[in-house]
C-alpha atoms as a PDB file:
ATOM      1  CA  MET A   1       0.167   0.125   0.263  1.00  0.00           C
ATOM      2  CA  VAL A   2       1.364   3.569  -1.145  1.00  0.00           C
ATOM      3  CA  HIS A   3      -1.131   5.064   0.899  1.00  0.00           C
ATOM      4  CA  ARG A   4      -1.479   4.856   4.864  1.00  0.00           C
ATOM      5  CA  PRO A   5      -3.538   7.571   6.597  1.00  0.00           C
ATOM      6  CA  ARG A   6      -2.799   5.912   9.924  1.00  0.00           C
ATOM      7  CA  ARG A   7       0.581   7.006   9.353  1.00  0.00           C
ATOM      8  CA  ASN A   8      -0.406  10.700  10.678  1.00  0.00           C
ATOM      9  CA  ARG A   9      -1.766   9.496  13.498  1.00  0.00           C
ATOM     10  CA  LYS A  10       0.636   7.152  14.977  1.00  0.00           C
ATOM     11  CA  CYS A  11       1.447   9.452  18.137  1.00  0.00           C
ATOM     12  CA  GLU A  12      -0.038  12.212  19.780  1.00  0.00           C
ATOM     13  CA  PRO A  13       2.534  14.917  18.454  1.00  0.00           C
ATOM     14  CA  ILE A  14       1.891  13.716  15.011  1.00  0.00           C
ATOM     15  CA  ARG A  15      -1.742  13.927  15.374  1.00  0.00           C
ATOM     16  CA  ARG A  16      -1.446  17.377  16.951  1.00  0.00           C
ATOM     17  CA  LEU A  17       0.621  18.523  14.445  1.00  0.00           C
ATOM     18  CA  VAL A  18      -1.958  17.433  11.828  1.00  0.00           C
ATOM     19  CA  GLN A  19      -5.272  18.778  13.565  1.00  0.00           C
ATOM     20  CA  GLU A  20      -7.335  20.338  11.129  1.00  0.00           C
ATOM     21  CA  THR A  21      -9.985  22.451  13.591  1.00  0.00           C
ATOM     22  CA  ARG A  22      -9.163  23.617  17.112  1.00  0.00           C
ATOM     23  CA  VAL A  23     -11.341  24.859  19.661  1.00  0.00           C
ATOM     24  CA  THR A  24      -9.702  27.876  21.633  1.00  0.00           C
ATOM     25  CA  VAL A  25     -10.720  29.908  24.878  1.00  0.00           C
ATOM     26  CA  ASP A  26     -10.586  33.187  22.363  1.00  0.00           C
ATOM     27  CA  ASN A  27     -13.326  31.339  20.385  1.00  0.00           C
ATOM     28  CA  LEU A  28     -16.011  30.915  23.467  1.00  0.00           C
ATOM     29  CA  ILE A  29     -18.688  33.729  25.117  1.00  0.00           C
ATOM     30  CA  TYR A  30     -19.892  32.462  27.964  1.00  0.00           C
ATOM     31  CA  PRO A  31     -23.515  33.280  28.819  1.00  0.00           C
ATOM     32  CA  ILE A  32     -24.243  34.239  32.572  1.00  0.00           C
ATOM     33  CA  PHE A  33     -27.235  34.893  34.263  1.00  0.00           C
ATOM     34  CA  ILE A  34     -28.104  38.323  36.134  1.00  0.00           C
ATOM     35  CA  THR A  35     -30.686  38.497  38.695  1.00  0.00           C
ATOM     36  CA  GLU A  36     -31.340  41.202  41.415  1.00  0.00           C
ATOM     37  CA  GLY A  37     -29.751  40.850  45.160  1.00  0.00           C
ATOM     38  CA  LYS A  38     -26.713  40.222  46.878  1.00  0.00           C
ATOM     39  CA  GLY A  39     -24.428  37.695  48.110  1.00  0.00           C
ATOM     40  CA  LEU A  40     -26.514  35.313  45.153  1.00  0.00           C
ATOM     41  CA  ARG A  41     -25.234  32.339  43.190  1.00  0.00           C
ATOM     42  CA  ILE A  42     -28.903  30.514  42.932  1.00  0.00           C
ATOM     43  CA  PRO A  43     -28.491  27.272  41.220  1.00  0.00           C
ATOM     44  CA  ILE A  44     -30.469  26.624  38.165  1.00  0.00           C
ATOM     45  CA  ARG A  45     -32.262  22.503  37.818  1.00  0.00           C
ATOM     46  CA  SER A  46     -32.275  22.087  34.661  1.00  0.00           C
ATOM     47  CA  MET A  47     -28.514  22.881  34.164  1.00  0.00           C
ATOM     48  CA  PRO A  48     -26.230  21.516  36.593  1.00  0.00           C
ATOM     49  CA  ASP A  49     -23.289  23.893  37.328  1.00  0.00           C
ATOM     50  CA  ILE A  50     -25.133  26.879  35.926  1.00  0.00           C
ATOM     51  CA  PHE A  51     -26.349  30.112  38.323  1.00  0.00           C
ATOM     52  CA  ARG A  52     -27.998  33.037  38.509  1.00  0.00           C
ATOM     53  CA  PHE A  53     -26.089  35.513  39.723  1.00  0.00           C
ATOM     54  CA  SER A  54     -26.295  38.789  41.606  1.00  0.00           C
ATOM     55  CA  PRO A  55     -24.528  41.350  39.945  1.00  0.00           C
ATOM     56  CA  ASP A  56     -21.458  41.348  43.001  1.00  0.00           C
ATOM     57  CA  GLU A  57     -21.558  37.406  42.358  1.00  0.00           C
ATOM     58  CA  ALA A  58     -21.406  37.956  38.620  1.00  0.00           C
ATOM     59  CA  LEU A  59     -18.303  40.313  39.098  1.00  0.00           C
ATOM     60  CA  ARG A  60     -16.585  37.386  41.184  1.00  0.00           C
ATOM     61  CA  GLU A  61     -17.525  35.026  38.353  1.00  0.00           C
ATOM     62  CA  ILE A  62     -16.318  37.432  35.762  1.00  0.00           C
ATOM     63  CA  GLU A  63     -12.728  38.061  37.529  1.00  0.00           C
ATOM     64  CA  ALA A  64     -12.431  33.924  37.912  1.00  0.00           C
ATOM     65  CA  CYS A  65     -13.316  33.493  34.519  1.00  0.00           C
ATOM     66  CA  LEU A  66     -10.781  36.186  33.348  1.00  0.00           C
ATOM     67  CA  GLN A  67      -8.220  33.774  34.990  1.00  0.00           C
ATOM     68  CA  LEU A  68      -8.604  30.944  32.556  1.00  0.00           C
ATOM     69  CA  GLY A  69      -8.544  33.233  29.643  1.00  0.00           C
ATOM     70  CA  LEU A  70     -11.850  33.883  29.022  1.00  0.00           C
ATOM     71  CA  LYS A  71     -13.027  37.953  28.309  1.00  0.00           C
ATOM     72  CA  ILE A  72     -16.401  37.865  26.394  1.00  0.00           C
ATOM     73  CA  PHE A  73     -19.380  37.385  28.220  1.00  0.00           C
ATOM     74  CA  ALA A  74     -23.130  37.125  27.416  1.00  0.00           C
ATOM     75  CA  PRO A  75     -25.073  38.683  30.164  1.00  0.00           C
ATOM     76  CA  PHE A  76     -28.905  37.585  30.318  1.00  0.00           C
ATOM     77  CA  PRO A  77     -31.461  39.292  32.988  1.00  0.00           C
ATOM     78  CA  HIS A  78     -34.147  37.256  34.958  1.00  0.00           C
ATOM     79  CA  ILE A  79     -36.385  40.397  36.139  1.00  0.00           C
ATOM     80  CA  ALA A  80     -39.359  39.363  38.495  1.00  0.00           C
ATOM     81  CA  ASP A  81     -42.747  39.200  37.577  1.00  0.00           C
ATOM     82  CA  GLN A  82     -43.941  42.366  39.230  1.00  0.00           C
ATOM     83  CA  LEU A  83     -41.690  44.371  37.105  1.00  0.00           C
ATOM     84  CA  LYS A  84     -43.421  43.204  33.317  1.00  0.00           C
ATOM     85  CA  ASP A  85     -45.397  44.650  31.550  1.00  0.00           C
ATOM     86  CA  LYS A  86     -47.042  44.735  27.859  1.00  0.00           C
ATOM     87  CA  PHE A  87     -43.950  46.780  26.790  1.00  0.00           C
ATOM     88  CA  ALA A  88     -40.792  45.508  28.581  1.00  0.00           C
ATOM     89  CA  SER A  89     -40.351  49.382  29.650  1.00  0.00           C
ATOM     90  CA  GLU A  90     -38.345  47.709  32.718  1.00  0.00           C
ATOM     91  CA  SER A  91     -35.580  47.203  29.764  1.00  0.00           C
ATOM     92  CA  TRP A  92     -34.836  50.587  29.291  1.00  0.00           C
ATOM     93  CA  ARG A  93     -35.201  51.620  32.562  1.00  0.00           C
ATOM     94  CA  GLU A  94     -31.976  53.047  33.887  1.00  0.00           C
ATOM     95  CA  ASP A  95     -31.337  51.164  37.300  1.00  0.00           C
ATOM     96  CA  ASN A  96     -32.136  48.147  35.908  1.00  0.00           C
ATOM     97  CA  VAL A  97     -30.175  45.284  36.934  1.00  0.00           C
ATOM     98  CA  TYR A  98     -29.409  44.357  33.733  1.00  0.00           C
ATOM     99  CA  LEU A  99     -27.905  47.746  32.682  1.00  0.00           C
ATOM    100  CA  ARG A 100     -26.174  48.271  36.122  1.00  0.00           C
ATOM    101  CA  THR A 101     -24.668  45.097  36.048  1.00  0.00           C
ATOM    102  CA  ILE A 102     -23.382  45.989  32.747  1.00  0.00           C
ATOM    103  CA  ARG A 103     -21.798  49.420  34.077  1.00  0.00           C
ATOM    104  CA  LEU A 104     -20.433  47.634  37.428  1.00  0.00           C
ATOM    105  CA  VAL A 105     -18.586  45.163  34.818  1.00  0.00           C
ATOM    106  CA  LYS A 106     -17.095  47.395  32.313  1.00  0.00           C
ATOM    107  CA  GLU A 107     -16.185  49.666  35.198  1.00  0.00           C
ATOM    108  CA  ARG A 108     -14.388  46.581  37.529  1.00  0.00           C
ATOM    109  CA  PHE A 109     -13.068  44.903  34.296  1.00  0.00           C
ATOM    110  CA  PRO A 110     -12.358  47.618  31.184  1.00  0.00           C
ATOM    111  CA  GLU A 111     -10.999  44.462  29.359  1.00  0.00           C
ATOM    112  CA  VAL A 112     -14.318  42.506  29.083  1.00  0.00           C
ATOM    113  CA  VAL A 113     -16.424  42.227  25.994  1.00  0.00           C
ATOM    114  CA  LEU A 114     -20.103  42.410  26.717  1.00  0.00           C
ATOM    115  CA  VAL A 115     -22.499  40.625  24.334  1.00  0.00           C
ATOM    116  CA  THR A 116     -26.248  41.961  25.780  1.00  0.00           C
ATOM    117  CA  ASP A 117     -29.202  40.537  24.905  1.00  0.00           C
ATOM    118  CA  VAL A 118     -31.874  42.740  22.717  1.00  0.00           C
ATOM    119  CA  ALA A 119     -35.506  40.969  22.865  1.00  0.00           C
ATOM    120  CA  MET A 120     -38.673  41.807  24.918  1.00  0.00           C
ATOM    121  CA  ASP A 121     -39.034  38.394  26.357  1.00  0.00           C
ATOM    122  CA  PRO A 122     -37.581  38.447  30.016  1.00  0.00           C
ATOM    123  CA  TYR A 123     -39.256  42.092  30.275  1.00  0.00           C
ATOM    124  CA  SER A 124     -42.939  41.282  29.070  1.00  0.00           C
ATOM    125  CA  SER A 125     -45.489  40.088  30.637  1.00  0.00           C
ATOM    126  CA  ASP A 126     -46.411  37.947  27.481  1.00  0.00           C
ATOM    127  CA  GLY A 127     -43.681  36.269  27.501  1.00  0.00           C
ATOM    128  CA  HIS A 128     -42.682  36.989  23.667  1.00  0.00           C
ATOM    129  CA  ASP A 129     -40.189  38.920  21.774  1.00  0.00           C
ATOM    130  CA  GLY A 130     -42.127  41.350  20.358  1.00  0.00           C
ATOM    131  CA  LEU A 131     -45.068  43.199  21.213  1.00  0.00           C
ATOM    132  CA  VAL A 132     -48.467  41.580  21.565  1.00  0.00           C
ATOM    133  CA  GLU A 133     -51.645  42.938  20.161  1.00  0.00           C
ATOM    134  CA  ASN A 134     -54.660  41.387  20.182  1.00  0.00           C
ATOM    135  CA  GLY A 135     -53.138  38.017  20.454  1.00  0.00           C
ATOM    136  CA  GLU A 136     -50.264  38.621  17.186  1.00  0.00           C
ATOM    137  CA  ILE A 137     -46.788  39.822  17.821  1.00  0.00           C
ATOM    138  CA  VAL A 138     -46.792  43.199  15.834  1.00  0.00           C
ATOM    139  CA  ASN A 139     -43.429  43.550  13.636  1.00  0.00           C
ATOM    140  CA  ASP A 140     -42.576  47.410  13.237  1.00  0.00           C
ATOM    141  CA  LYS A 141     -43.892  48.520  17.167  1.00  0.00           C
ATOM    142  CA  THR A 142     -41.558  46.068  18.437  1.00  0.00           C
ATOM    143  CA  LEU A 143     -38.512  47.643  16.603  1.00  0.00           C
ATOM    144  CA  GLU A 144     -39.220  50.703  18.331  1.00  0.00           C
ATOM    145  CA  ILE A 145     -39.135  49.242  21.898  1.00  0.00           C
ATOM    146  CA  LEU A 146     -35.906  47.382  20.740  1.00  0.00           C
ATOM    147  CA  ALA A 147     -33.996  50.677  19.781  1.00  0.00           C
ATOM    148  CA  LYS A 148     -34.963  51.887  23.215  1.00  0.00           C
ATOM    149  CA  MET A 149     -33.804  49.034  24.768  1.00  0.00           C
ATOM    150  CA  ALA A 150     -30.309  48.601  22.574  1.00  0.00           C
ATOM    151  CA  ILE A 151     -29.208  52.339  23.016  1.00  0.00           C
ATOM    152  CA  ALA A 152     -29.922  51.486  26.647  1.00  0.00           C
ATOM    153  CA  GLN A 153     -27.427  48.911  26.624  1.00  0.00           C
ATOM    154  CA  ALA A 154     -25.211  50.685  25.075  1.00  0.00           C
ATOM    155  CA  GLN A 155     -25.242  53.798  27.317  1.00  0.00           C
ATOM    156  CA  ALA A 156     -24.564  51.127  30.026  1.00  0.00           C
ATOM    157  CA  GLY A 157     -21.478  49.929  27.989  1.00  0.00           C
ATOM    158  CA  SER A 158     -22.387  47.232  25.993  1.00  0.00           C
ATOM    159  CA  ASP A 159     -19.579  46.382  23.230  1.00  0.00           C
ATOM    160  CA  ILE A 160     -21.636  43.977  20.922  1.00  0.00           C
ATOM    161  CA  ILE A 161     -25.906  43.983  21.184  1.00  0.00           C
ATOM    162  CA  ALA A 162     -27.553  40.539  20.077  1.00  0.00           C
ATOM    163  CA  PRO A 163     -31.123  41.068  19.031  1.00  0.00           C
ATOM    164  CA  SER A 164     -32.354  37.913  19.331  1.00  0.00           C
ATOM    165  CA  ASP A 165     -36.135  38.625  18.850  1.00  0.00           C
ATOM    166  CA  MET A 166     -36.348  37.734  15.046  1.00  0.00           C
ATOM    167  CA  MET A 167     -38.181  40.374  13.963  1.00  0.00           C
ATOM    168  CA  ASP A 168     -38.156  41.638  10.261  1.00  0.00           C
ATOM    169  CA  GLY A 169     -35.639  44.767   9.596  1.00  0.00           C
ATOM    170  CA  ARG A 170     -34.489  44.838  13.310  1.00  0.00           C
ATOM    171  CA  VAL A 171     -30.677  44.722  12.287  1.00  0.00           C
ATOM    172  CA  GLY A 172     -31.429  47.880   9.789  1.00  0.00           C
ATOM    173  CA  TYR A 173     -33.337  49.515  12.251  1.00  0.00           C
ATOM    174  CA  LEU A 174     -31.448  49.282  15.204  1.00  0.00           C
ATOM    175  CA  ARG A 175     -27.963  50.093  13.255  1.00  0.00           C
ATOM    176  CA  GLN A 176     -29.266  53.309  12.465  1.00  0.00           C
ATOM    177  CA  ALA A 177     -30.862  54.126  16.139  1.00  0.00           C
ATOM    178  CA  LEU A 178     -27.493  52.912  17.260  1.00  0.00           C
ATOM    179  CA  ASP A 179     -25.839  55.453  14.819  1.00  0.00           C
ATOM    180  CA  LYS A 180     -27.984  58.151  15.095  1.00  0.00           C
ATOM    181  CA  GLU A 181     -27.050  58.496  19.203  1.00  0.00           C
ATOM    182  CA  GLY A 182     -23.517  58.078  18.553  1.00  0.00           C
ATOM    183  CA  PHE A 183     -22.496  54.616  19.090  1.00  0.00           C
ATOM    184  CA  THR A 184     -21.395  53.500  15.840  1.00  0.00           C
ATOM    185  CA  ASN A 185     -18.720  51.199  17.204  1.00  0.00           C
ATOM    186  CA  VAL A 186     -21.214  49.174  19.009  1.00  0.00           C
ATOM    187  CA  SER A 187     -21.090  45.772  17.346  1.00  0.00           C
ATOM    188  CA  ILE A 188     -24.537  43.899  16.005  1.00  0.00           C
ATOM    189  CA  MET A 189     -24.580  40.311  16.450  1.00  0.00           C
ATOM    190  CA  SER A 190     -27.609  38.968  14.850  1.00  0.00           C
ATOM    191  CA  TYR A 191     -29.402  35.893  15.939  1.00  0.00           C
ATOM    192  CA  THR A 192     -30.177  35.870  12.046  1.00  0.00           C
ATOM    193  CA  ALA A 193     -31.173  31.914  12.070  1.00  0.00           C
ATOM    194  CA  LYS A 194     -32.757  31.450  15.067  1.00  0.00           C
ATOM    195  CA  TYR A 195     -35.233  28.318  14.956  1.00  0.00           C
ATOM    196  CA  ALA A 196     -38.340  27.671  17.099  1.00  0.00           C
ATOM    197  CA  SER A 197     -36.676  24.964  18.685  1.00  0.00           C
ATOM    198  CA  ALA A 198     -37.273  22.239  21.609  1.00  0.00           C
ATOM    199  CA  PHE A 199     -33.795  22.497  23.116  1.00  0.00           C
ATOM    200  CA  TYR A 200     -34.637  26.087  24.622  1.00  0.00           C
ATOM    201  CA  GLY A 201     -36.518  24.571  27.803  1.00  0.00           C
ATOM    202  CA  PRO A 202     -33.692  25.097  30.447  1.00  0.00           C
ATOM    203  CA  PHE A 203     -33.003  28.433  29.423  1.00  0.00           C
ATOM    204  CA  ARG A 204     -37.017  29.399  30.259  1.00  0.00           C
ATOM    205  CA  ASP A 205     -36.413  27.732  33.523  1.00  0.00           C
ATOM    206  CA  ALA A 206     -33.299  29.937  34.285  1.00  0.00           C
ATOM    207  CA  LEU A 207     -35.103  33.149  32.981  1.00  0.00           C
ATOM    208  CA  ASP A 208     -38.390  32.224  33.848  1.00  0.00           C
ATOM    209  CA  SER A 209     -39.204  33.664  30.627  1.00  0.00           C
ATOM    210  CA  ALA A 210     -41.881  31.221  28.677  1.00  0.00           C
ATOM    211  CA  PRO A 211     -44.330  32.579  26.861  1.00  0.00           C
ATOM    212  CA  ARG A 212     -47.930  33.053  28.351  1.00  0.00           C
ATOM    213  CA  PHE A 213     -49.610  31.758  25.631  1.00  0.00           C
ATOM    214  CA  GLY A 214     -48.846  30.064  22.027  1.00  0.00           C
ATOM    215  CA  ASP A 215     -45.238  29.707  20.722  1.00  0.00           C
ATOM    216  CA  LYS A 216     -42.855  31.559  18.958  1.00  0.00           C
ATOM    217  CA  LYS A 217     -43.443  29.786  15.706  1.00  0.00           C
ATOM    218  CA  THR A 218     -44.967  32.989  13.433  1.00  0.00           C
ATOM    219  CA  TYR A 219     -41.204  34.776  14.488  1.00  0.00           C
ATOM    220  CA  GLN A 220     -38.739  32.090  14.951  1.00  0.00           C
ATOM    221  CA  MET A 221     -37.927  29.562  12.075  1.00  0.00           C
ATOM    222  CA  ASP A 222     -39.133  26.232  11.147  1.00  0.00           C
ATOM    223  CA  PRO A 223     -36.146  23.404  11.726  1.00  0.00           C
ATOM    224  CA  ALA A 224     -37.098  21.978   8.514  1.00  0.00           C
ATOM    225  CA  ASN A 225     -35.925  25.136   6.213  1.00  0.00           C
ATOM    226  CA  ALA A 226     -32.366  26.001   5.321  1.00  0.00           C
ATOM    227  CA  ARG A 227     -32.628  28.259   2.269  1.00  0.00           C
ATOM    228  CA  GLU A 228     -34.743  30.274   4.607  1.00  0.00           C
ATOM    229  CA  ALA A 229     -31.589  30.893   6.705  1.00  0.00           C
ATOM    230  CA  LEU A 230     -29.790  32.107   3.502  1.00  0.00           C
ATOM    231  CA  LEU A 231     -32.227  34.678   2.962  1.00  0.00           C
ATOM    232  CA  GLU A 232     -32.640  35.640   6.695  1.00  0.00           C
ATOM    233  CA  ALA A 233     -28.697  36.136   6.421  1.00  0.00           C
ATOM    234  CA  THR A 234     -28.463  37.985   3.249  1.00  0.00           C
ATOM    235  CA  LEU A 235     -31.456  40.660   4.979  1.00  0.00           C
ATOM    236  CA  ASP A 236     -28.540  40.784   7.980  1.00  0.00           C
ATOM    237  CA  ALA A 237     -25.949  41.299   6.383  1.00  0.00           C
ATOM    238  CA  ALA A 238     -27.183  44.098   3.846  1.00  0.00           C
ATOM    239  CA  GLU A 239     -28.932  45.833   6.552  1.00  0.00           C
ATOM    240  CA  GLY A 240     -25.829  46.084   8.729  1.00  0.00           C
ATOM    241  CA  ALA A 241     -24.965  42.765  10.808  1.00  0.00           C
ATOM    242  CA  ASP A 242     -21.264  42.327  12.262  1.00  0.00           C
ATOM    243  CA  PHE A 243     -21.712  38.815  12.809  1.00  0.00           C
ATOM    244  CA  LEU A 244     -24.214  36.275  11.841  1.00  0.00           C
ATOM    245  CA  MET A 245     -25.520  33.551  14.438  1.00  0.00           C
ATOM    246  CA  VAL A 246     -27.290  29.987  13.976  1.00  0.00           C
ATOM    247  CA  LYS A 247     -29.120  28.893  16.983  1.00  0.00           C
ATOM    248  CA  PRO A 248     -29.265  25.939  18.099  1.00  0.00           C
ATOM    249  CA  ALA A 249     -25.699  24.716  17.415  1.00  0.00           C
ATOM    250  CA  LEU A 250     -25.715  20.653  17.101  1.00  0.00           C
ATOM    251  CA  ALA A 251     -28.872  20.089  15.253  1.00  0.00           C
ATOM    252  CA  TYR A 252     -28.046  23.198  12.571  1.00  0.00           C
ATOM    253  CA  LEU A 253     -24.615  22.054  12.236  1.00  0.00           C
ATOM    254  CA  ASP A 254     -25.197  22.436   8.336  1.00  0.00           C
ATOM    255  CA  ILE A 255     -26.628  25.947   8.559  1.00  0.00           C
ATOM    256  CA  ILE A 256     -23.662  26.829   9.709  1.00  0.00           C
ATOM    257  CA  ARG A 257     -21.575  25.262   7.108  1.00  0.00           C
ATOM    258  CA  LEU A 258     -23.916  27.151   4.594  1.00  0.00           C
ATOM    259  CA  LEU A 259     -23.889  30.527   6.000  1.00  0.00           C
ATOM    260  CA  LYS A 260     -19.759  30.136   6.146  1.00  0.00           C
ATOM    261  CA  ASP A 261     -19.639  29.681   2.762  1.00  0.00           C
ATOM    262  CA  THR A 262     -21.926  31.861   1.656  1.00  0.00           C
ATOM    263  CA  PHE A 263     -20.885  35.049   3.413  1.00  0.00           C
ATOM    264  CA  HIS A 264     -17.611  36.547   4.477  1.00  0.00           C
ATOM    265  CA  LEU A 265     -19.019  37.763   8.155  1.00  0.00           C
ATOM    266  CA  PRO A 266     -18.310  35.994  10.630  1.00  0.00           C
ATOM    267  CA  ILE A 267     -20.512  33.413  11.645  1.00  0.00           C
ATOM    268  CA  ALA A 268     -21.663  32.569  15.733  1.00  0.00           C
ATOM    269  CA  ALA A 269     -23.419  29.867  16.931  1.00  0.00           C
ATOM    270  CA  TYR A 270     -25.399  29.304  20.534  1.00  0.00           C
ATOM    271  CA  ASN A 271     -24.291  25.951  21.990  1.00  0.00           C
ATOM    272  CA  VAL A 272     -27.629  26.203  23.858  1.00  0.00           C
ATOM    273  CA  SER A 273     -29.232  24.977  27.004  1.00  0.00           C
ATOM    274  CA  GLY A 274     -30.928  21.815  25.948  1.00  0.00           C
ATOM    275  CA  GLU A 275     -27.723  20.940  24.135  1.00  0.00           C
ATOM    276  CA  TYR A 276     -26.097  21.474  27.371  1.00  0.00           C
ATOM    277  CA  ALA A 277     -28.288  19.711  29.732  1.00  0.00           C
ATOM    278  CA  MET A 278     -28.686  16.782  27.539  1.00  0.00           C
ATOM    279  CA  ILE A 279     -24.454  15.879  27.864  1.00  0.00           C
ATOM    280  CA  LYS A 280     -24.697  17.051  31.508  1.00  0.00           C
ATOM    281  CA  ALA A 281     -27.629  14.330  32.331  1.00  0.00           C
ATOM    282  CA  ALA A 282     -25.811  11.644  30.404  1.00  0.00           C
ATOM    283  CA  ALA A 283     -22.573  12.157  32.005  1.00  0.00           C
ATOM    284  CA  ALA A 284     -24.235  11.719  35.835  1.00  0.00           C
ATOM    285  CA  GLN A 285     -25.835   8.698  34.553  1.00  0.00           C
ATOM    286  CA  GLN A 286     -22.179   7.169  33.448  1.00  0.00           C
ATOM    287  CA  TRP A 287     -23.716   6.727  30.298  1.00  0.00           C
ATOM    288  CA  ILE A 288     -21.002   9.361  28.461  1.00  0.00           C
ATOM    289  CA  ASP A 289     -17.479  10.886  29.162  1.00  0.00           C
ATOM    290  CA  GLY A 290     -18.936  14.423  29.766  1.00  0.00           C
ATOM    291  CA  LYS A 291     -16.068  15.765  29.393  1.00  0.00           C
ATOM    292  CA  ARG A 292     -15.086  14.399  25.984  1.00  0.00           C
ATOM    293  CA  ALA A 293     -18.676  14.839  25.194  1.00  0.00           C
ATOM    294  CA  MET A 294     -17.997  18.390  25.887  1.00  0.00           C
ATOM    295  CA  GLN A 295     -15.116  19.166  23.626  1.00  0.00           C
ATOM    296  CA  GLU A 296     -16.329  16.728  20.648  1.00  0.00           C
ATOM    297  CA  CYS A 297     -19.632  19.187  20.483  1.00  0.00           C
ATOM    298  CA  LEU A 298     -17.494  22.359  20.335  1.00  0.00           C
ATOM    299  CA  LEU A 299     -15.205  20.969  18.243  1.00  0.00           C
ATOM    300  CA  SER A 300     -17.884  19.789  15.757  1.00  0.00           C
ATOM    301  CA  ILE A 301     -19.474  23.634  15.949  1.00  0.00           C
ATOM    302  CA  ARG A 302     -15.927  25.016  14.841  1.00  0.00           C
ATOM    303  CA  ARG A 303     -15.624  22.394  12.086  1.00  0.00           C
ATOM    304  CA  ALA A 304     -18.912  23.306  10.790  1.00  0.00           C
ATOM    305  CA  GLY A 305     -17.460  27.257  10.194  1.00  0.00           C
ATOM    306  CA  ALA A 306     -18.527  29.134  13.197  1.00  0.00           C
ATOM    307  CA  THR A 307     -15.703  31.455  14.548  1.00  0.00           C
ATOM    308  CA  ALA A 308     -17.034  32.259  17.725  1.00  0.00           C
ATOM    309  CA  ILE A 309     -19.285  29.790  20.402  1.00  0.00           C
ATOM    310  CA  LEU A 310     -21.862  30.826  22.925  1.00  0.00           C
ATOM    311  CA  THR A 311     -21.835  28.202  25.339  1.00  0.00           C
ATOM    312  CA  TYR A 312     -22.224  27.172  28.886  1.00  0.00           C
ATOM    313  CA  PHE A 313     -19.560  24.949  28.799  1.00  0.00           C
ATOM    314  CA  ALA A 314     -16.683  28.071  28.442  1.00  0.00           C
ATOM    315  CA  LYS A 315     -15.944  27.967  31.731  1.00  0.00           C
ATOM    316  CA  GLU A 316     -15.454  24.385  32.162  1.00  0.00           C
ATOM    317  CA  PHE A 317     -13.678  24.229  28.602  1.00  0.00           C
ATOM    318  CA  ALA A 318     -11.117  27.023  29.653  1.00  0.00           C
ATOM    319  CA  LEU A 319     -10.731  25.541  33.309  1.00  0.00           C
ATOM    320  CA  ILE A 320      -9.591  21.840  31.563  1.00  0.00           C
ATOM    321  CA  GLU A 321      -7.501  23.567  28.893  1.00  0.00           C
ATOM    322  CA  LYS A 322      -5.396  25.763  31.482  1.00  0.00           C
ATOM    323  CA  ASN A 323      -4.480  22.526  33.341  1.00  0.00           C
ATOM    324  CA  PHE A 324      -3.739  20.596  30.688  1.00  0.00           C
ATOM    325  CA  HIS A 325      -1.324  23.334  29.602  1.00  0.00           C
END
């Protein structure tokens, strides 16, 4: 035999030499959950080792992560029910827990990059990403609310706003609103292909943000559709997005590759709560090797074409990498 591919697999140094894809902490964004209070690290039952942090504890968590090499974080707010209303007005109130935490993080750790969530659902009494009128999620009126939210986050110190709402035209609307207020350097990481997925359950536990009626299928994408992702990405790119995101990641690796091969913007992928929970649950039963499964999943997302991965495994991965080196 002239060709023996196993020669390039015969020992660890050679395997690493020819390795085509690598994941590093530089590729990872760590989502963290913020809640009102002090000294709080509240475990999320459906997401082992993940917590809701009060602002002071969030600072401690971020400091620990910085020592592991993680520098980019995506905070999400847990909002008390009594603060929620139809218009998500808590989202742009200057002293809300989310904006307050953004300011605290940027004051304490100016080197940290924050990717902040723009959508109504954490603050909405209806639990939907858009404004509800007569049982319908209305698109254009929602954009006005999202713009207020985005500007408030930029004023607080957000580096990248991430509209996760899937309203039509929101990237262009937010870009124009941010530029008008002088925030031309604030990036937009658009949730471009966000599918109506079964894998979001634990996240909604974490934020207590499940819809109060119906589902999100009139604005999130049908899992059956791939070409539609190209349409969404074409629009987002034309409207000024700096990153295109696919969510979830593991069940949509083909969509990650499709966008990577078609567009010149960086592709982000969200390794979502249900994907995290499945690995953790199986590992707890000793059905799989949790560490290896985690590493393999992150590698597959990178191999598919994602430059950035939002993942709840970020801290665990960084700790393993630090100990390895």
